[in-house]
Protein backbone atom coordinates (compact mmCIF):
# COMPACT_ATOMS: atom_id res chain seq x y z
CA MET A 1 82.49 -3.62 -215.48
CA ASP A 2 82.46 -1.72 -218.76
CA ILE A 3 84.05 1.68 -218.99
CA ASP A 4 81.62 4.54 -218.34
CA HIS A 5 82.66 7.26 -220.78
CA THR A 6 80.52 9.85 -218.99
CA LYS A 7 82.94 9.92 -216.08
CA LYS A 8 85.73 12.47 -215.90
CA LEU A 9 89.32 11.26 -215.90
CA LYS A 10 92.18 12.87 -214.07
CA ARG A 11 95.69 12.19 -212.80
CA ILE A 12 96.35 12.18 -209.08
CA ILE A 13 98.24 15.26 -207.92
CA ILE A 14 101.33 14.44 -205.86
CA HIS A 15 101.85 16.58 -202.77
CA PRO A 16 105.54 17.46 -202.21
CA TRP A 17 107.09 17.09 -198.78
CA ASP A 18 109.65 18.90 -196.70
CA GLY A 19 113.09 17.37 -196.38
CA LYS A 20 114.36 14.14 -197.87
CA ARG A 21 112.54 10.81 -198.15
CA ILE A 22 114.41 7.56 -198.53
CA TYR A 23 112.97 4.58 -200.43
CA ASN A 24 114.27 1.01 -200.52
CA VAL A 25 114.33 -0.53 -203.99
CA ARG A 26 114.56 -4.24 -204.77
CA HIS A 27 114.61 -5.48 -208.34
CA THR A 28 114.68 -9.16 -209.33
CA LYS A 29 114.73 -10.81 -212.75
CA GLN A 30 114.54 -14.52 -213.48
CA VAL A 31 114.73 -16.33 -216.79
CA ILE A 32 114.13 -20.09 -217.04
CA ILE A 33 114.93 -21.85 -220.32
CA ASP A 34 114.35 -25.60 -220.48
CA ASN A 35 114.28 -25.75 -216.65
CA TYR A 36 117.62 -23.96 -216.36
CA PRO A 37 117.17 -20.80 -214.22
CA LYS A 38 119.19 -17.61 -214.32
CA HIS A 39 118.41 -14.77 -211.96
CA ILE A 40 119.78 -11.47 -210.75
CA THR A 41 118.78 -9.25 -207.82
CA SER A 42 119.74 -5.67 -207.14
CA ASP A 43 119.08 -3.64 -204.00
CA PHE A 44 119.63 0.08 -203.50
CA LYS A 45 118.14 3.22 -202.02
CA ILE A 46 116.81 6.32 -203.69
CA GLU A 47 116.54 9.66 -201.93
CA LEU A 48 113.84 12.09 -203.10
CA SER A 49 113.43 15.71 -202.12
CA CYS A 50 111.30 18.46 -203.67
CA PHE A 51 113.19 21.75 -203.70
CA LYS A 52 110.70 23.81 -205.72
CA HIS A 53 106.94 23.60 -206.04
CA GLU A 54 104.61 25.70 -208.14
CA GLU A 55 101.00 25.26 -209.21
CA ASP A 56 101.71 23.19 -212.31
CA MET A 57 105.21 21.79 -211.76
CA MET A 58 107.70 20.44 -209.21
CA MET A 59 111.50 20.18 -209.14
CA TRP A 60 113.10 17.14 -207.54
CA GLN A 61 116.53 15.96 -206.50
CA ILE A 62 117.04 12.23 -207.00
CA ASP A 63 119.96 10.33 -205.53
CA LYS A 64 120.76 6.61 -205.79
CA LYS A 65 122.91 4.93 -203.16
CA ASP A 66 124.12 1.63 -201.70
CA LEU A 67 123.74 -0.44 -204.88
CA ASN A 68 124.27 -4.16 -204.34
CA ILE A 69 123.94 -6.61 -207.24
CA SER A 70 123.84 -10.37 -206.64
CA ASP A 71 126.53 -12.47 -208.33
CA LEU A 72 128.49 -9.39 -209.46
CA ILE A 73 132.04 -10.73 -209.49
CA ASP A 74 133.52 -8.13 -211.85
CA GLU A 75 134.75 -5.99 -208.96
CA GLN A 76 137.62 -4.39 -210.87
CA GLY A 77 136.49 -4.81 -214.49
CA SER A 78 134.22 -3.04 -216.96
CA LEU A 79 130.99 -3.60 -215.00
CA ALA A 80 132.50 -2.02 -211.90
CA LEU A 81 133.67 0.91 -214.02
CA LEU A 82 130.21 1.39 -215.52
CA LYS A 83 128.72 1.33 -212.03
CA LYS A 84 131.17 4.05 -210.97
CA LEU A 85 130.34 6.17 -214.01
CA GLU A 86 126.65 5.84 -213.21
CA ASP A 87 127.30 6.83 -209.60
CA PHE A 88 128.77 10.08 -210.90
CA THR A 89 125.48 10.92 -212.67
CA TYR A 90 123.81 11.41 -209.28
CA PRO A 91 122.27 13.47 -207.93
CA ILE A 92 119.94 14.13 -210.87
CA PHE A 93 117.67 17.18 -210.80
CA VAL A 94 114.40 16.73 -212.69
CA GLN A 95 111.23 18.65 -213.35
CA THR A 96 107.82 16.95 -213.25
CA ASP A 97 104.26 18.11 -213.59
CA GLN A 98 102.00 18.24 -210.53
CA CYS A 99 101.14 14.55 -210.99
CA GLY A 100 104.76 13.40 -210.93
CA ASN A 101 105.12 12.83 -214.69
CA PHE A 102 108.66 13.45 -215.92
CA ILE A 103 109.25 16.60 -218.01
CA GLU A 104 113.01 17.16 -218.25
CA ILE A 105 116.39 17.16 -216.57
CA ILE A 106 117.09 20.57 -215.05
CA ASN A 107 120.16 22.39 -216.44
CA HIS A 108 121.32 19.35 -218.40
CA LYS A 109 124.46 21.14 -219.64
CA ASN A 110 125.63 22.01 -216.11
CA TRP A 111 124.78 18.52 -214.90
CA VAL A 112 126.95 16.97 -217.65
CA GLU A 113 129.84 19.25 -216.73
CA ASN A 114 129.59 18.23 -213.08
CA TRP A 115 129.68 14.58 -214.15
CA ARG A 116 132.72 15.20 -216.34
CA LEU A 117 134.65 16.81 -213.50
CA LYS A 118 133.91 13.96 -211.09
CA ALA A 119 134.73 11.33 -213.71
CA LYS A 120 137.92 13.14 -214.77
CA GLU A 121 139.30 12.94 -211.24
CA HIS A 122 138.65 9.20 -211.25
CA ALA A 123 140.02 8.83 -214.79
CA THR A 124 143.67 9.42 -214.02
CA GLN A 125 143.90 6.10 -212.22
CA ASN A 126 141.37 3.92 -214.02
CA TYR A 127 140.71 4.83 -217.66
CA ASP A 128 144.05 4.21 -219.33
CA VAL A 129 144.10 0.40 -219.23
CA ASN A 130 142.13 -2.54 -220.67
CA GLY A 131 139.93 -0.44 -222.92
CA ASN A 132 138.53 1.59 -220.04
CA LEU A 133 139.04 4.86 -221.89
CA GLU A 134 136.72 3.64 -224.63
CA ILE A 135 134.06 2.76 -222.03
CA PHE A 136 134.39 6.22 -220.54
CA GLN A 137 134.07 7.93 -223.92
CA LYS A 138 130.96 5.94 -224.89
CA PHE A 139 129.33 6.70 -221.55
CA TYR A 140 130.14 10.39 -221.98
CA GLU A 141 128.56 10.40 -225.44
CA ILE A 142 125.36 8.97 -223.98
CA ILE A 143 124.91 11.50 -221.20
CA LEU A 144 125.96 14.37 -223.47
CA ASN A 145 122.89 13.64 -225.61
CA GLU A 146 119.93 14.31 -223.29
CA LYS A 147 117.46 12.34 -225.42
CA LEU A 148 119.77 9.33 -225.62
CA PHE A 149 120.46 9.48 -221.88
CA LEU A 150 116.73 9.58 -221.07
CA ASN A 151 116.10 6.63 -223.39
CA ASN A 152 118.64 4.71 -221.35
CA LYS A 153 117.09 5.84 -218.05
CA ASN A 154 113.64 4.73 -219.22
CA SER A 155 115.05 1.25 -219.73
CA GLU A 156 115.83 1.17 -215.99
CA ALA A 157 112.88 -0.35 -214.17
CA TYR A 158 113.06 1.87 -211.08
CA TRP A 159 113.17 5.08 -213.15
CA LYS A 160 110.31 3.96 -215.38
CA LEU A 161 108.18 2.90 -212.42
CA LEU A 162 108.89 6.05 -210.43
CA PHE A 163 107.47 8.32 -213.14
CA LEU A 164 104.72 5.98 -214.39
CA ASN A 165 101.25 7.25 -213.46
CA PHE A 166 97.73 6.37 -214.57
CA SER A 167 94.40 8.14 -214.91
CA ILE A 168 91.53 7.52 -212.51
CA ALA A 169 87.81 8.22 -212.59
CA VAL A 170 86.19 11.10 -210.72
CA PRO A 171 84.32 10.55 -208.50
CA ILE A 172 86.48 7.62 -207.33
CA GLU A 173 84.86 4.20 -207.66
CA LYS A 174 86.76 0.93 -207.31
CA GLU A 175 84.69 -0.75 -210.03
CA TYR A 176 85.62 1.80 -212.70
CA PHE A 177 88.51 0.94 -215.01
CA TYR A 178 90.37 3.07 -217.54
CA LYS A 179 92.32 1.77 -220.54
CA ASP A 180 96.02 2.62 -220.43
CA SER A 181 99.26 1.63 -222.15
CA PHE A 182 103.02 2.18 -221.86
CA PHE A 183 106.34 0.58 -222.85
CA TRP A 184 108.43 -1.56 -220.50
CA ASN A 185 111.96 -2.81 -221.10
CA ILE A 186 112.29 -6.61 -220.86
CA MET A 187 115.75 -8.14 -220.52
CA GLN A 188 117.28 -8.92 -223.94
CA LEU A 189 114.01 -7.98 -225.70
CA GLY A 190 114.01 -4.20 -225.29
CA PRO A 191 110.85 -2.06 -224.91
CA ILE A 192 107.57 -3.97 -225.16
CA GLU A 193 104.18 -2.24 -225.33
CA ILE A 194 101.92 -3.14 -222.40
CA LYS A 195 98.18 -2.51 -222.77
CA GLY A 196 95.78 -2.93 -219.89
CA ARG A 197 93.40 -1.11 -217.58
CA SER A 198 93.80 0.86 -214.38
CA ASN A 199 91.62 1.99 -211.50
CA GLY A 200 91.95 3.84 -208.20
CA TYR A 201 90.24 3.44 -204.85
CA LEU A 202 90.49 4.35 -201.18
CA SER A 203 91.60 1.77 -198.61
CA GLY A 204 91.73 3.11 -195.05
CA THR A 205 94.37 5.83 -194.94
CA ASP A 206 95.77 4.77 -198.33
CA PHE A 207 94.86 5.60 -201.87
CA ILE A 208 95.56 2.67 -204.21
CA GLN A 209 96.15 2.85 -207.94
CA HIS A 210 96.21 -0.50 -209.72
CA PHE A 211 97.09 -1.41 -213.31
CA THR A 212 96.68 -4.89 -214.75
CA SER A 213 97.33 -6.49 -218.12
CA LYS A 214 96.86 -10.11 -219.18
CA LYS A 215 97.00 -11.44 -222.71
CA ASN A 216 98.55 -13.91 -225.12
CA ALA A 217 101.74 -12.58 -226.68
CA ASP A 218 101.56 -11.90 -230.41
CA LEU A 219 103.66 -13.89 -232.86
CA LYS A 220 106.01 -10.96 -233.43
CA LEU A 221 106.93 -10.90 -229.74
CA ILE A 222 107.34 -14.68 -229.66
CA GLU A 223 109.75 -14.50 -232.60
CA LYS A 224 111.67 -11.80 -230.75
CA VAL A 225 111.98 -14.10 -227.73
CA LYS A 226 113.12 -17.01 -229.91
CA ASP A 227 115.86 -14.90 -231.48
CA ALA A 228 117.02 -13.32 -228.21
CA TYR A 229 117.11 -16.56 -226.21
CA ASP A 230 117.85 -19.00 -229.03
CA LEU A 231 114.67 -21.07 -228.70
CA GLN A 232 114.33 -23.71 -231.41
CA GLN A 233 110.79 -25.06 -231.13
CA PRO A 234 108.02 -23.32 -233.13
CA TYR A 235 105.29 -21.72 -231.02
CA ASP A 236 102.00 -19.98 -231.61
CA SER A 237 100.42 -17.08 -229.70
CA TYR A 238 98.08 -19.39 -227.79
CA SER A 239 101.01 -21.09 -226.08
CA SER A 240 102.13 -17.90 -224.38
CA GLN A 241 100.92 -15.73 -221.51
CA LEU A 242 102.02 -12.19 -220.65
CA GLU A 243 100.84 -10.70 -217.34
CA PHE A 244 101.72 -7.32 -215.84
CA GLU A 245 100.59 -5.59 -212.63
CA ILE A 246 101.50 -2.25 -211.05
CA THR A 247 100.28 -1.06 -207.66
CA THR A 248 100.93 2.45 -206.32
CA THR A 249 100.12 3.47 -202.74
CA THR A 250 99.91 7.07 -201.57
CA GLY A 251 98.42 8.70 -198.51
CA SER A 252 94.67 9.16 -198.98
CA SER A 253 94.84 12.79 -197.93
CA SER A 254 98.54 13.69 -198.16
CA ARG A 255 99.08 12.03 -201.58
CA GLU A 256 102.69 11.42 -200.57
CA LEU A 257 104.22 8.36 -202.22
CA ARG A 258 104.41 5.35 -199.92
CA SER A 259 105.17 2.53 -202.32
CA LYS A 260 105.16 1.32 -205.91
CA ARG A 261 105.45 -2.23 -207.15
CA ALA A 262 105.50 -3.79 -210.61
CA THR A 263 105.42 -7.51 -211.44
CA ILE A 264 105.64 -9.13 -214.85
CA SER A 265 105.33 -12.76 -215.90
CA PHE A 266 105.90 -14.02 -219.44
CA THR A 267 105.78 -17.73 -220.32
CA ILE A 268 105.88 -19.79 -223.50
CA GLU A 269 104.70 -23.33 -222.85
CA GLN A 270 107.18 -25.16 -220.60
CA GLN A 271 110.34 -24.00 -222.40
CA PHE A 272 110.57 -20.32 -221.45
CA SER A 273 109.67 -18.26 -218.39
CA TYR A 274 110.52 -14.65 -217.57
CA LYS A 275 109.62 -13.06 -214.23
CA GLU A 276 110.42 -9.59 -212.98
CA ASP A 277 109.55 -7.86 -209.73
CA ILE A 278 110.48 -4.36 -208.60
CA SER A 279 109.35 -2.55 -205.47
CA ILE A 280 109.93 1.02 -204.26
CA ILE A 281 108.98 1.25 -200.58
CA ILE A 282 109.42 4.17 -198.22
CA ASN A 283 112.06 3.67 -195.57
CA ASN A 284 111.55 4.78 -191.98
CA GLU A 285 114.52 7.12 -192.46
CA ILE A 286 113.20 10.60 -193.24
CA GLU A 287 115.58 13.53 -193.07
């Protein structure tokens, strides 16, 4: 159905909740080149609580726990150190608008100082060997620069998905679609612009928001893939397919987040395939 420009567009207002809500996150990535697959899966939990709510803004505490990454064998090396440094960044306190769109980190300067103190205690035993001090210093430089830190966070799929919201038509009709676009970070390619259309509709006690995008990749993106993954064969845009879907479920009346899921599929003929799936689903544990 064509877009009806006479309809009003709005963002769904998120209703905050009392206490803490726990969400299970699963993120999988798979790359297949010439029938040789490589995949990675990470599982963790995020804890969300709203500690301040006003008419046009909300303040949230976000915590990330119990990270488990498949095939992570670097238990004592640089990857383990980076994971520890990231652990110290939590909890993160953020401000959003009433629709859940990210605005800023609250008291960034104080937050950095808290991270430094936690990391310093760990540093005495771990940062003076095998170049670990350099890793620590580079990480510190990133979080010290709020803009640079947020650029890094937006490359994390769960963070991007959590704060990604779309417009809907009012009154709500399932057949009405609205054009939307955003950037998504693809492994080894960096941020890629995704253009598609979104709609919202009621389904029982749920309110569903759905975004979909399907197109041939342009030649510029194909060249980027060839360089990143060392593909030799020449391709054209008609040999590729890029598909992206996001589904968000909230309570139809409460507007409390129940789940979010994003899936992406990118193929170039039979030589290259990239698939990514991330879900954020509420856990039964509510404190």
